Every structure is written in structure tokens, then in C-alpha cells.
Amino acid sequence: MTTFNNLSSILVPLVGLVFPAIAMASLFLHIKKKKKRLFRYRYDTAKSYLFFFSRLRP
């Protein structure tokens, strides 16, 4: 019976602090990785356009 009374004092901080911290950190890393991939795509696309248009000049 004592373990059930102490269980809430363990689960409340776990659910209130640890789980949201893990969720926010993983979401931050996911967004950062996605932005990096998007920037790399835009940079490569712009670089290929510049290369193409620089070859059109006589």
C-alpha cells in the first residue's frame, strides 16, 4: 500500500517535466534537421541556376 502512495509522487514530475522536455527536444531537433535539408535544397537549386545562366552568356 505504501508503494501506491509513493507512485504518484514519482509519476507526476515524470509526466509534468520529463516527458514534455523529451518531446520539445525531439521536436526541436526534427525541425532543425528539416530546415537544414530545405536550405541545402534551395542552395543547390540556386547554384545550378547560376551555373546554367552563366553558360548562356557569349
C-alpha atoms as a PDB file:
ATOM      1  CA  MET A   1       0.000   0.000   0.000  1.00  0.00           C
ATOM      2  CA  THR A   2       2.880   2.333   0.668  1.00  0.00           C
ATOM      3  CA  THR A   3       4.260   1.892  -2.830  1.00  0.00           C
ATOM      4  CA  PHE A   4       0.980   3.020  -4.393  1.00  0.00           C
ATOM      5  CA  ASN A   5       1.029   6.187  -2.299  1.00  0.00           C
ATOM      6  CA  ASN A   6       4.583   6.956  -3.390  1.00  0.00           C
ATOM      7  CA  LEU A   7       3.864   6.155  -7.020  1.00  0.00           C
ATOM      8  CA  SER A   8       2.013   9.409  -7.605  1.00  0.00           C
ATOM      9  CA  SER A   9       4.947  11.426  -6.270  1.00  0.00           C
ATOM     10  CA  ILE A  10       7.117   9.777  -8.926  1.00  0.00           C
ATOM     11  CA  LEU A  11       4.705   9.878 -11.866  1.00  0.00           C
ATOM     12  CA  VAL A  12       3.571  13.499 -11.520  1.00  0.00           C
ATOM     13  CA  PRO A  13       7.032  15.053 -12.056  1.00  0.00           C
ATOM     14  CA  LEU A  14       7.776  12.452 -14.708  1.00  0.00           C
ATOM     15  CA  VAL A  15       4.671  13.283 -16.718  1.00  0.00           C
ATOM     16  CA  GLY A  16       4.809  17.011 -15.986  1.00  0.00           C
ATOM     17  CA  LEU A  17       8.506  17.690 -16.567  1.00  0.00           C
ATOM     18  CA  VAL A  18      10.404  14.824 -18.156  1.00  0.00           C
ATOM     19  CA  PHE A  19       8.008  13.790 -20.932  1.00  0.00           C
ATOM     20  CA  PRO A  20       7.393  17.365 -22.167  1.00  0.00           C
ATOM     21  CA  ALA A  21      11.142  18.059 -22.087  1.00  0.00           C
ATOM     22  CA  ILE A  22      11.825  14.980 -24.221  1.00  0.00           C
ATOM     23  CA  ALA A  23       9.017  15.912 -26.612  1.00  0.00           C
ATOM     24  CA  MET A  24      10.230  19.509 -27.012  1.00  0.00           C
ATOM     25  CA  ALA A  25      13.839  18.440 -27.536  1.00  0.00           C
ATOM     26  CA  SER A  26      12.911  15.868 -30.166  1.00  0.00           C
ATOM     27  CA  LEU A  27      10.635  18.348 -31.956  1.00  0.00           C
ATOM     28  CA  PHE A  28      13.401  20.973 -31.924  1.00  0.00           C
ATOM     29  CA  LEU A  29      15.892  18.526 -33.440  1.00  0.00           C
ATOM     30  CA  HIS A  30      13.367  17.399 -36.059  1.00  0.00           C
ATOM     31  CA  ILE A  31      12.627  20.978 -37.145  1.00  0.00           C
ATOM     32  CA  LYS A  32      16.309  21.870 -37.199  1.00  0.00           C
ATOM     33  CA  LYS A  33      17.102  18.870 -39.412  1.00  0.00           C
ATOM     34  CA  LYS A  34      14.227  19.711 -41.749  1.00  0.00           C
ATOM     35  CA  LYS A  35      15.326  23.360 -42.078  1.00  0.00           C
ATOM     36  CA  LYS A  36      18.873  22.276 -42.823  1.00  0.00           C
ATOM     37  CA  ARG A  37      17.665  19.949 -45.566  1.00  0.00           C
ATOM     38  CA  LEU A  38      15.419  22.671 -47.030  1.00  0.00           C
ATOM     39  CA  PHE A  39      18.240  25.226 -47.022  1.00  0.00           C
ATOM     40  CA  ARG A  40      20.590  22.754 -48.699  1.00  0.00           C
ATOM     41  CA  TYR A  41      17.987  22.102 -51.428  1.00  0.00           C
ATOM     42  CA  ARG A  42      17.498  25.829 -52.033  1.00  0.00           C
ATOM     43  CA  TYR A  43      21.252  26.425 -52.116  1.00  0.00           C
ATOM     44  CA  ASP A  44      21.873  23.599 -54.594  1.00  0.00           C
ATOM     45  CA  THR A  45      18.993  24.756 -56.794  1.00  0.00           C
ATOM     46  CA  ALA A  46      20.218  28.351 -56.821  1.00  0.00           C
ATOM     47  CA  LYS A  47      23.758  27.201 -57.545  1.00  0.00           C
ATOM     48  CA  SER A  48      22.619  25.101 -60.503  1.00  0.00           C
ATOM     49  CA  TYR A  49      20.595  28.028 -61.913  1.00  0.00           C
ATOM     50  CA  LEU A  50      23.602  30.326 -61.619  1.00  0.00           C
ATOM     51  CA  PHE A  51      25.786  27.765 -63.362  1.00  0.00           C
ATOM     52  CA  PHE A  52      23.232  27.336 -66.155  1.00  0.00           C
ATOM     53  CA  PHE A  53      22.743  31.067 -66.749  1.00  0.00           C
ATOM     54  CA  SER A  54      26.463  31.794 -66.618  1.00  0.00           C
ATOM     55  CA  ARG A  55      26.930  29.406 -69.568  1.00  0.00           C
ATOM     56  CA  LEU A  56      24.379  31.268 -71.715  1.00  0.00           C
ATOM     57  CA  ARG A  57      26.490  34.392 -71.999  1.00  0.00           C
ATOM     58  CA  PRO A  58      28.598  34.624 -75.148  1.00  0.00           C
END
